[in-house]
């Protein structure tokens, strides 16, 4: 996932890990500080992704990034329901 323009992905990673217990990995080489990776170790299911998206939204808010709170969660839920035929 690409971090917002002007935001260091390392800050998002640190907050998601330390404050919310969500482990994500940073980018490597020329992508370091620009991206982060969700689900980089082991098995992840739908609900793990919801937790990750929620933590991401809270970290973005903490860093002052303007967005509609809950938009990511709503989009993920909608995509899951559509894919599941619900």
N, C-alpha and C. Protein backbone atom coordinates (compact mmCIF):
# COMPACT_ATOMS: atom_id res chain seq x y z
N UNK A 1 0.86 -1.16 0.00
CA UNK A 1 0.00 0.00 0.00
C UNK A 1 0.91 1.23 0.00
N UNK A 2 0.63 2.16 -0.90
CA UNK A 2 1.43 3.38 -0.97
C UNK A 2 0.96 4.37 0.10
N UNK A 3 1.91 4.89 0.86
CA UNK A 3 1.59 5.91 1.86
C UNK A 3 1.19 7.19 1.14
N UNK A 4 0.37 8.02 1.78
CA UNK A 4 -0.01 9.29 1.16
C UNK A 4 1.22 10.14 0.84
N UNK A 5 1.10 10.93 -0.19
CA UNK A 5 2.18 11.83 -0.62
C UNK A 5 2.65 12.67 0.57
N UNK A 6 3.95 12.69 0.78
CA UNK A 6 4.54 13.49 1.84
C UNK A 6 4.54 12.83 3.21
N UNK A 7 3.98 11.63 3.32
CA UNK A 7 3.95 10.92 4.59
C UNK A 7 4.93 9.76 4.53
N UNK A 8 5.71 9.60 5.58
CA UNK A 8 6.65 8.49 5.66
C UNK A 8 5.91 7.24 6.11
N UNK A 9 5.97 6.19 5.30
CA UNK A 9 5.29 4.94 5.65
C UNK A 9 5.80 4.39 6.97
N UNK A 10 7.04 4.69 7.33
CA UNK A 10 7.58 4.23 8.60
C UNK A 10 6.79 4.74 9.79
N UNK A 11 6.26 5.95 9.69
CA UNK A 11 5.44 6.50 10.77
C UNK A 11 4.14 5.71 10.91
N UNK A 12 3.52 5.38 9.78
CA UNK A 12 2.31 4.56 9.82
C UNK A 12 2.60 3.19 10.42
N UNK A 13 3.68 2.59 9.97
CA UNK A 13 4.06 1.26 10.46
C UNK A 13 4.26 1.28 11.97
N UNK A 14 4.99 2.28 12.45
CA UNK A 14 5.27 2.39 13.89
C UNK A 14 3.99 2.52 14.69
N UNK A 15 3.09 3.39 14.28
CA UNK A 15 1.84 3.60 15.02
C UNK A 15 0.96 2.35 14.96
N UNK A 16 0.84 1.76 13.78
CA UNK A 16 0.00 0.56 13.66
C UNK A 16 0.53 -0.55 14.55
N UNK A 17 1.84 -0.69 14.63
CA UNK A 17 2.46 -1.74 15.43
C UNK A 17 2.38 -1.42 16.92
N UNK A 18 2.89 -0.27 17.31
CA UNK A 18 3.01 0.04 18.74
C UNK A 18 1.69 0.36 19.41
N UNK A 19 0.83 1.09 18.75
CA UNK A 19 -0.41 1.51 19.39
C UNK A 19 -1.54 0.50 19.21
N UNK A 20 -1.60 -0.14 18.03
CA UNK A 20 -2.74 -1.00 17.71
C UNK A 20 -2.39 -2.48 17.58
N UNK A 21 -1.12 -2.83 17.69
CA UNK A 21 -0.72 -4.23 17.65
C UNK A 21 -0.87 -4.88 16.28
N UNK A 22 -0.93 -4.08 15.24
CA UNK A 22 -1.05 -4.60 13.87
C UNK A 22 0.33 -4.55 13.23
N UNK A 23 0.81 -5.72 12.84
CA UNK A 23 2.15 -5.82 12.27
C UNK A 23 2.06 -5.72 10.75
N UNK A 24 2.72 -4.73 10.21
CA UNK A 24 2.85 -4.57 8.76
C UNK A 24 4.33 -4.39 8.45
N UNK A 25 4.69 -4.66 7.23
CA UNK A 25 6.10 -4.55 6.82
C UNK A 25 6.29 -3.33 5.94
N UNK A 26 7.47 -2.78 6.00
CA UNK A 26 7.79 -1.63 5.17
C UNK A 26 8.27 -2.04 3.79
N UNK A 27 8.46 -1.04 2.96
CA UNK A 27 9.01 -1.26 1.64
C UNK A 27 10.51 -1.50 1.72
N UNK A 28 11.05 -2.03 0.67
CA UNK A 28 12.48 -2.30 0.62
C UNK A 28 13.12 -1.46 -0.49
N UNK A 29 14.42 -1.26 -0.36
CA UNK A 29 15.20 -0.53 -1.35
C UNK A 29 14.58 0.83 -1.65
N UNK A 30 14.26 1.11 -2.91
CA UNK A 30 13.76 2.44 -3.27
C UNK A 30 12.32 2.68 -2.81
N UNK A 31 11.65 1.65 -2.29
CA UNK A 31 10.28 1.81 -1.78
C UNK A 31 10.24 2.03 -0.27
N UNK A 32 11.40 1.98 0.38
CA UNK A 32 11.45 2.19 1.82
C UNK A 32 10.92 3.59 2.16
N UNK A 33 10.00 3.64 3.10
CA UNK A 33 9.39 4.90 3.51
C UNK A 33 8.23 5.33 2.63
N UNK A 34 8.00 4.60 1.54
CA UNK A 34 6.94 4.96 0.60
C UNK A 34 5.74 4.03 0.65
N UNK A 35 5.98 2.75 1.00
CA UNK A 35 4.90 1.77 1.02
C UNK A 35 4.95 0.95 2.30
N UNK A 36 3.86 0.24 2.56
CA UNK A 36 3.85 -0.78 3.61
C UNK A 36 3.05 -1.96 3.08
N UNK A 37 3.32 -3.13 3.66
CA UNK A 37 2.70 -4.36 3.19
C UNK A 37 1.88 -4.99 4.30
N UNK A 38 0.63 -5.30 3.99
CA UNK A 38 -0.27 -5.97 4.93
C UNK A 38 -0.26 -7.46 4.60
N UNK A 39 -0.24 -8.29 5.63
CA UNK A 39 -0.31 -9.73 5.41
C UNK A 39 1.00 -10.30 4.91
N UNK A 40 2.09 -9.82 5.47
CA UNK A 40 3.40 -10.22 4.97
C UNK A 40 3.93 -11.50 5.59
N UNK A 41 3.31 -11.99 6.66
CA UNK A 41 3.77 -13.25 7.27
C UNK A 41 2.56 -14.10 7.64
N UNK A 42 2.55 -15.31 7.17
CA UNK A 42 1.51 -16.25 7.57
C UNK A 42 0.15 -15.98 6.97
N UNK A 43 -0.82 -16.60 7.57
CA UNK A 43 -2.20 -16.58 7.09
C UNK A 43 -2.93 -15.34 7.58
N UNK A 44 -3.67 -14.70 6.70
CA UNK A 44 -4.55 -13.58 7.03
C UNK A 44 -5.93 -13.91 6.50
N UNK A 45 -6.97 -13.64 7.26
CA UNK A 45 -8.32 -13.80 6.73
C UNK A 45 -9.00 -12.44 6.65
N UNK A 46 -10.25 -12.45 6.25
CA UNK A 46 -11.00 -11.22 6.04
C UNK A 46 -11.02 -10.34 7.29
N UNK A 47 -11.25 -10.93 8.45
CA UNK A 47 -11.37 -10.13 9.66
C UNK A 47 -10.03 -9.56 10.10
N UNK A 48 -8.93 -10.25 9.81
CA UNK A 48 -7.61 -9.68 10.07
C UNK A 48 -7.41 -8.43 9.21
N UNK A 49 -7.89 -8.48 7.99
CA UNK A 49 -7.77 -7.31 7.12
C UNK A 49 -8.61 -6.15 7.63
N UNK A 50 -9.79 -6.44 8.16
CA UNK A 50 -10.61 -5.36 8.73
C UNK A 50 -9.89 -4.68 9.89
N UNK A 51 -9.25 -5.47 10.73
CA UNK A 51 -8.49 -4.89 11.84
C UNK A 51 -7.35 -4.03 11.30
N UNK A 52 -6.67 -4.52 10.27
CA UNK A 52 -5.57 -3.75 9.67
C UNK A 52 -6.06 -2.45 9.07
N UNK A 53 -7.18 -2.49 8.38
CA UNK A 53 -7.72 -1.28 7.76
C UNK A 53 -8.16 -0.29 8.84
N UNK A 54 -8.76 -0.79 9.89
CA UNK A 54 -9.17 0.07 10.99
C UNK A 54 -7.96 0.74 11.64
N UNK A 55 -6.91 -0.04 11.89
CA UNK A 55 -5.69 0.52 12.48
C UNK A 55 -5.06 1.54 11.55
N UNK A 56 -5.09 1.26 10.26
CA UNK A 56 -4.55 2.21 9.28
C UNK A 56 -5.32 3.53 9.34
N UNK A 57 -6.64 3.45 9.38
CA UNK A 57 -7.44 4.68 9.46
C UNK A 57 -7.10 5.47 10.72
N UNK A 58 -6.98 4.78 11.84
CA UNK A 58 -6.68 5.48 13.09
C UNK A 58 -5.27 6.08 13.06
N UNK A 59 -4.32 5.38 12.46
CA UNK A 59 -2.96 5.91 12.34
C UNK A 59 -2.94 7.13 11.42
N UNK A 60 -3.66 7.06 10.31
CA UNK A 60 -3.74 8.21 9.41
C UNK A 60 -4.33 9.42 10.13
N UNK A 61 -5.38 9.19 10.91
CA UNK A 61 -6.00 10.28 11.67
C UNK A 61 -5.00 10.87 12.66
N UNK A 62 -4.27 9.99 13.34
CA UNK A 62 -3.28 10.45 14.32
C UNK A 62 -2.20 11.31 13.67
N UNK A 63 -1.86 10.98 12.43
CA UNK A 63 -0.83 11.73 11.71
C UNK A 63 -1.40 12.95 10.99
N UNK A 64 -2.70 13.20 11.17
CA UNK A 64 -3.31 14.40 10.62
C UNK A 64 -3.71 14.33 9.16
N UNK A 65 -3.78 13.13 8.61
CA UNK A 65 -4.15 13.01 7.20
C UNK A 65 -5.67 13.16 7.06
N UNK A 66 -6.13 14.04 6.17
CA UNK A 66 -7.57 14.25 6.02
C UNK A 66 -8.22 13.14 5.18
N UNK A 67 -9.23 12.52 5.72
CA UNK A 67 -9.98 11.49 5.01
C UNK A 67 -11.31 11.30 5.73
N UNK A 68 -12.22 10.59 5.09
CA UNK A 68 -13.51 10.31 5.71
C UNK A 68 -13.35 9.08 6.61
N UNK A 69 -13.44 9.30 7.91
CA UNK A 69 -13.29 8.21 8.86
C UNK A 69 -14.30 7.10 8.57
N UNK A 70 -13.82 5.87 8.50
CA UNK A 70 -14.68 4.73 8.26
C UNK A 70 -14.84 4.37 6.79
N UNK A 71 -14.32 5.18 5.89
CA UNK A 71 -14.49 4.92 4.45
C UNK A 71 -13.80 3.63 4.03
N UNK A 72 -12.61 3.37 4.56
CA UNK A 72 -11.89 2.15 4.23
C UNK A 72 -12.62 0.91 4.74
N UNK A 73 -13.14 1.01 5.95
CA UNK A 73 -13.88 -0.11 6.52
C UNK A 73 -15.14 -0.39 5.70
N UNK A 74 -15.85 0.65 5.35
CA UNK A 74 -17.08 0.48 4.57
C UNK A 74 -16.77 -0.14 3.20
N UNK A 75 -15.70 0.32 2.57
CA UNK A 75 -15.32 -0.23 1.26
C UNK A 75 -14.94 -1.70 1.37
N UNK A 76 -14.18 -2.05 2.41
CA UNK A 76 -13.77 -3.45 2.59
C UNK A 76 -14.97 -4.34 2.87
N UNK A 77 -15.88 -3.87 3.70
CA UNK A 77 -17.07 -4.66 4.00
C UNK A 77 -17.92 -4.85 2.75
N UNK A 78 -18.07 -3.78 1.97
CA UNK A 78 -18.85 -3.87 0.74
C UNK A 78 -18.23 -4.84 -0.25
N UNK A 79 -16.91 -4.79 -0.39
CA UNK A 79 -16.22 -5.70 -1.32
C UNK A 79 -16.37 -7.15 -0.87
N UNK A 80 -16.26 -7.37 0.43
CA UNK A 80 -16.41 -8.74 0.94
C UNK A 80 -17.82 -9.26 0.71
N UNK A 81 -18.80 -8.43 1.01
CA UNK A 81 -20.19 -8.86 0.84
C UNK A 81 -20.50 -9.14 -0.63
N UNK A 82 -20.00 -8.30 -1.51
CA UNK A 82 -20.22 -8.50 -2.94
C UNK A 82 -19.55 -9.80 -3.41
N UNK A 83 -18.30 -10.00 -2.99
CA UNK A 83 -17.57 -11.21 -3.40
C UNK A 83 -18.20 -12.47 -2.82
N UNK A 84 -18.84 -12.33 -1.67
CA UNK A 84 -19.46 -13.48 -1.01
C UNK A 84 -20.89 -13.72 -1.48
N UNK A 85 -21.39 -12.84 -2.32
CA UNK A 85 -22.76 -12.97 -2.80
C UNK A 85 -23.80 -12.59 -1.77
N UNK A 86 -23.41 -11.77 -0.81
CA UNK A 86 -24.35 -11.36 0.25
C UNK A 86 -25.09 -10.10 -0.14
